[in-house]
Amino acid sequence: SLALLWLVQIPLAARLDRRLRSTQAEREALLVRAVEASADERRRIAADLHDGVVQDLAGISYSLSAAAHEERSTATQGTLETAAAGTRDAMRRLRSLLVEIHPPNLRASGLEAALEDAASPLRTHGVEVTLELDPHVELGDEDERLAYRVAAEALRNVERHARATRVAVTLQRTAAGVE
């Protein structure tokens, strides 16, 4: 009777195993599609902001600068120059945000170039940033985006919360994967 029970359970176990593998494959496919959709949406938002708001701010900045040069009143001229400088600063911050949302050079120039851009705010504050990326480590698009996001967030945390004078970012293959 135990052998008969065992024989009856084998097809059930095989069916459950197939169903479990199928469900796992569906989950993985859905996760990949969600990550791709997120990346596409980031790209779309970055393009919309760049082509819309950033261009509008650039036009406003030029107009304010031109008005400041034509203005005869020193007080008004100073106000217009301050407004133009504030607008240019807002453009710089928005462009930095666009790079954070979707680094345009990650796909075009690779991970190292994108991380160089992410490290530039630290360098402007006098922090020495060293990037050590093992050239033998090859990452797929998704893994490259993930590595960029992790490293960029770490660099932002250093900028916001640390009083560092030196920062090192290292990418290397380990026994467990990539670190």
Protein backbone atom coordinates (compact mmCIF):
# COMPACT_ATOMS: atom_id res chain seq x y z
CA SER A 1 0.00 0.00 0.00
CA LEU A 2 2.94 2.37 0.64
CA ALA A 3 4.36 1.60 -2.78
CA LEU A 4 0.97 2.26 -4.36
CA LEU A 5 0.68 5.55 -2.47
CA TRP A 6 4.18 6.47 -3.63
CA LEU A 7 3.28 5.68 -7.27
CA VAL A 8 0.15 7.83 -7.03
CA GLN A 9 2.10 10.76 -5.59
CA ILE A 10 4.78 10.80 -8.31
CA PRO A 11 2.52 12.23 -11.05
CA LEU A 12 1.04 14.72 -8.60
CA ALA A 13 4.47 15.85 -7.50
CA ALA A 14 5.64 16.16 -11.11
CA ARG A 15 2.57 18.23 -12.00
CA LEU A 16 3.08 20.50 -8.98
CA ASP A 17 6.75 20.89 -9.89
CA ARG A 18 5.86 21.91 -13.47
CA ARG A 19 3.24 24.35 -12.21
CA LEU A 20 5.70 25.83 -9.69
CA ARG A 21 8.39 26.28 -12.36
CA SER A 22 5.86 27.83 -14.73
CA THR A 23 4.67 30.27 -12.06
CA GLN A 24 8.27 31.19 -11.21
CA ALA A 25 9.04 31.84 -14.89
CA GLU A 26 5.93 34.03 -15.18
CA ARG A 27 6.98 36.01 -12.09
CA GLU A 28 10.46 36.55 -13.49
CA ALA A 29 9.05 37.68 -16.85
CA LEU A 30 6.68 40.10 -15.10
CA LEU A 31 9.54 41.50 -13.03
CA VAL A 32 11.67 42.02 -16.14
CA ARG A 33 8.77 43.79 -17.87
CA ALA A 34 8.20 45.98 -14.79
CA VAL A 35 11.88 46.99 -14.70
CA GLU A 36 11.85 47.71 -18.45
CA ALA A 37 8.64 49.73 -18.12
CA SER A 38 10.17 51.72 -15.27
CA ALA A 39 13.28 52.45 -17.34
CA ASP A 40 11.15 53.46 -20.33
CA GLU A 41 9.07 55.76 -18.14
CA ARG A 42 12.20 57.34 -16.64
CA ARG A 43 13.53 57.93 -20.15
CA ARG A 44 10.23 59.48 -21.26
CA ILE A 45 10.00 61.76 -18.21
CA ALA A 46 13.61 62.87 -18.63
CA ALA A 47 13.04 63.64 -22.32
CA ASP A 48 9.81 65.54 -21.59
CA LEU A 49 11.46 67.62 -18.89
CA HIS A 50 14.51 68.33 -21.05
CA ASP A 51 12.50 69.32 -24.10
CA GLY A 52 9.93 71.30 -22.11
CA VAL A 53 10.79 72.82 -18.75
CA VAL A 54 14.56 73.09 -19.23
CA GLN A 55 14.12 74.82 -22.59
CA ASP A 56 11.55 77.20 -21.09
CA LEU A 57 13.92 78.06 -18.24
CA ALA A 58 16.73 78.69 -20.73
CA GLY A 59 14.52 81.13 -22.64
CA ILE A 60 13.53 82.92 -19.44
CA SER A 61 17.16 83.15 -18.37
CA TYR A 62 18.19 84.71 -21.71
CA SER A 63 15.29 87.16 -21.57
CA LEU A 64 16.13 88.22 -18.02
CA SER A 65 19.81 88.67 -18.88
CA ALA A 66 18.94 90.76 -21.94
CA ALA A 67 16.52 92.89 -19.92
CA ALA A 68 19.17 93.42 -17.23
CA HIS A 69 21.64 94.72 -19.84
CA GLU A 70 19.07 97.11 -21.29
CA GLU A 71 17.78 98.37 -17.93
CA ARG A 72 19.03 101.78 -16.81
CA SER A 73 17.97 101.50 -13.16
CA THR A 74 20.71 99.85 -11.08
CA ALA A 75 18.22 98.36 -8.61
CA THR A 76 16.08 96.83 -11.33
CA GLN A 77 19.17 95.66 -13.20
CA GLY A 78 20.41 93.88 -10.05
CA THR A 79 17.02 92.24 -9.54
CA LEU A 80 16.94 91.03 -13.14
CA GLU A 81 20.50 89.67 -12.92
CA THR A 82 19.62 87.88 -9.67
CA ALA A 83 16.52 86.40 -11.29
CA ALA A 84 18.56 85.29 -14.33
CA ALA A 85 21.18 83.67 -12.07
CA GLY A 86 18.43 81.93 -10.07
CA THR A 87 16.90 80.62 -13.27
CA ARG A 88 20.27 79.29 -14.47
CA ASP A 89 20.78 77.61 -11.07
CA ALA A 90 17.32 76.00 -11.34
CA MET A 91 18.28 74.73 -14.81
CA ARG A 92 21.51 73.20 -13.45
CA ARG A 93 19.63 71.47 -10.64
CA LEU A 94 16.97 70.22 -13.03
CA ARG A 95 19.62 68.87 -15.42
CA SER A 96 21.28 67.07 -12.49
CA LEU A 97 17.92 65.58 -11.61
CA LEU A 98 17.45 64.48 -15.22
CA VAL A 99 20.78 62.67 -15.11
CA GLU A 100 19.70 60.97 -11.88
CA ILE A 101 16.36 59.94 -13.40
CA HIS A 102 17.89 58.63 -16.61
CA PRO A 103 21.61 58.97 -17.23
CA PRO A 104 21.80 59.52 -21.00
CA ASN A 105 25.39 58.38 -21.27
CA LEU A 106 24.84 55.04 -19.50
CA ARG A 107 23.59 53.47 -22.71
CA ALA A 108 25.74 55.57 -25.05
CA SER A 109 29.07 55.71 -23.19
CA GLY A 110 28.81 53.01 -20.55
CA LEU A 111 28.81 52.66 -16.79
CA GLU A 112 32.14 54.36 -16.13
CA ALA A 113 31.17 57.56 -17.96
CA ALA A 114 27.79 57.66 -16.18
CA LEU A 115 29.50 57.22 -12.81
CA GLU A 116 31.99 59.96 -13.68
CA ASP A 117 29.00 62.26 -14.19
CA ALA A 118 27.44 61.11 -10.92
CA ALA A 119 30.71 61.83 -9.12
CA SER A 120 31.14 65.33 -10.55
CA PRO A 121 29.09 67.11 -7.83
CA LEU A 122 31.41 65.64 -5.20
CA ARG A 123 34.47 66.72 -7.16
CA THR A 124 33.16 70.29 -7.39
CA HIS A 125 33.07 70.28 -3.57
CA GLY A 126 36.72 69.19 -3.39
CA VAL A 127 36.13 65.48 -2.72
CA GLU A 128 38.61 63.13 -4.39
CA VAL A 129 36.60 60.41 -6.16
CA THR A 130 38.24 57.24 -7.45
CA LEU A 131 36.39 54.86 -9.75
CA GLU A 132 37.79 51.33 -10.07
CA LEU A 133 35.71 49.26 -12.46
CA ASP A 134 37.10 45.86 -13.39
CA PRO A 135 37.14 45.86 -17.21
CA HIS A 136 36.59 42.09 -17.25
CA VAL A 137 33.20 42.41 -15.53
CA GLU A 138 30.51 42.44 -18.20
CA LEU A 139 27.00 43.39 -17.14
CA GLY A 140 23.72 43.15 -18.99
CA ASP A 141 21.64 46.29 -19.47
CA GLU A 142 19.51 45.68 -16.38
CA ASP A 143 22.47 44.84 -14.16
CA GLU A 144 24.33 47.89 -15.46
CA ARG A 145 21.36 50.14 -14.63
CA LEU A 146 21.14 48.57 -11.18
CA ALA A 147 24.87 49.03 -10.55
CA TYR A 148 24.58 52.67 -11.66
CA ARG A 149 21.60 53.34 -9.37
CA VAL A 150 23.32 51.77 -6.35
CA ALA A 151 26.59 53.64 -6.90
CA ALA A 152 24.88 56.95 -7.72
CA GLU A 153 22.74 56.73 -4.57
CA ALA A 154 25.83 55.95 -2.49
CA LEU A 155 27.58 59.00 -3.98
CA ARG A 156 24.54 61.20 -3.24
CA ASN A 157 24.52 59.92 0.35
CA VAL A 158 28.19 60.80 0.70
CA GLU A 159 27.50 64.29 -0.66
CA ARG A 160 24.54 64.87 1.67
CA HIS A 161 25.58 63.15 4.88
CA ALA A 162 29.34 62.59 5.03
CA ARG A 163 32.24 64.92 5.53
CA ALA A 164 34.43 62.86 3.28
CA THR A 165 37.50 64.10 1.48
CA ARG A 166 37.99 60.85 -0.49
CA VAL A 167 35.52 58.35 -1.95
CA ALA A 168 36.22 55.12 -3.83
CA VAL A 169 33.71 53.27 -5.98
CA THR A 170 34.76 49.75 -6.92
CA LEU A 171 33.07 47.21 -9.19
CA GLN A 172 34.50 43.71 -9.18
CA ARG A 173 33.52 40.09 -9.69
CA THR A 174 33.36 37.98 -6.54
CA ALA A 175 32.54 34.34 -5.90
CA ALA A 176 28.95 35.37 -5.14
CA GLY A 177 28.56 37.57 -8.25
CA VAL A 178 29.34 41.26 -8.69
CA GLU A 179 30.15 43.59 -5.83
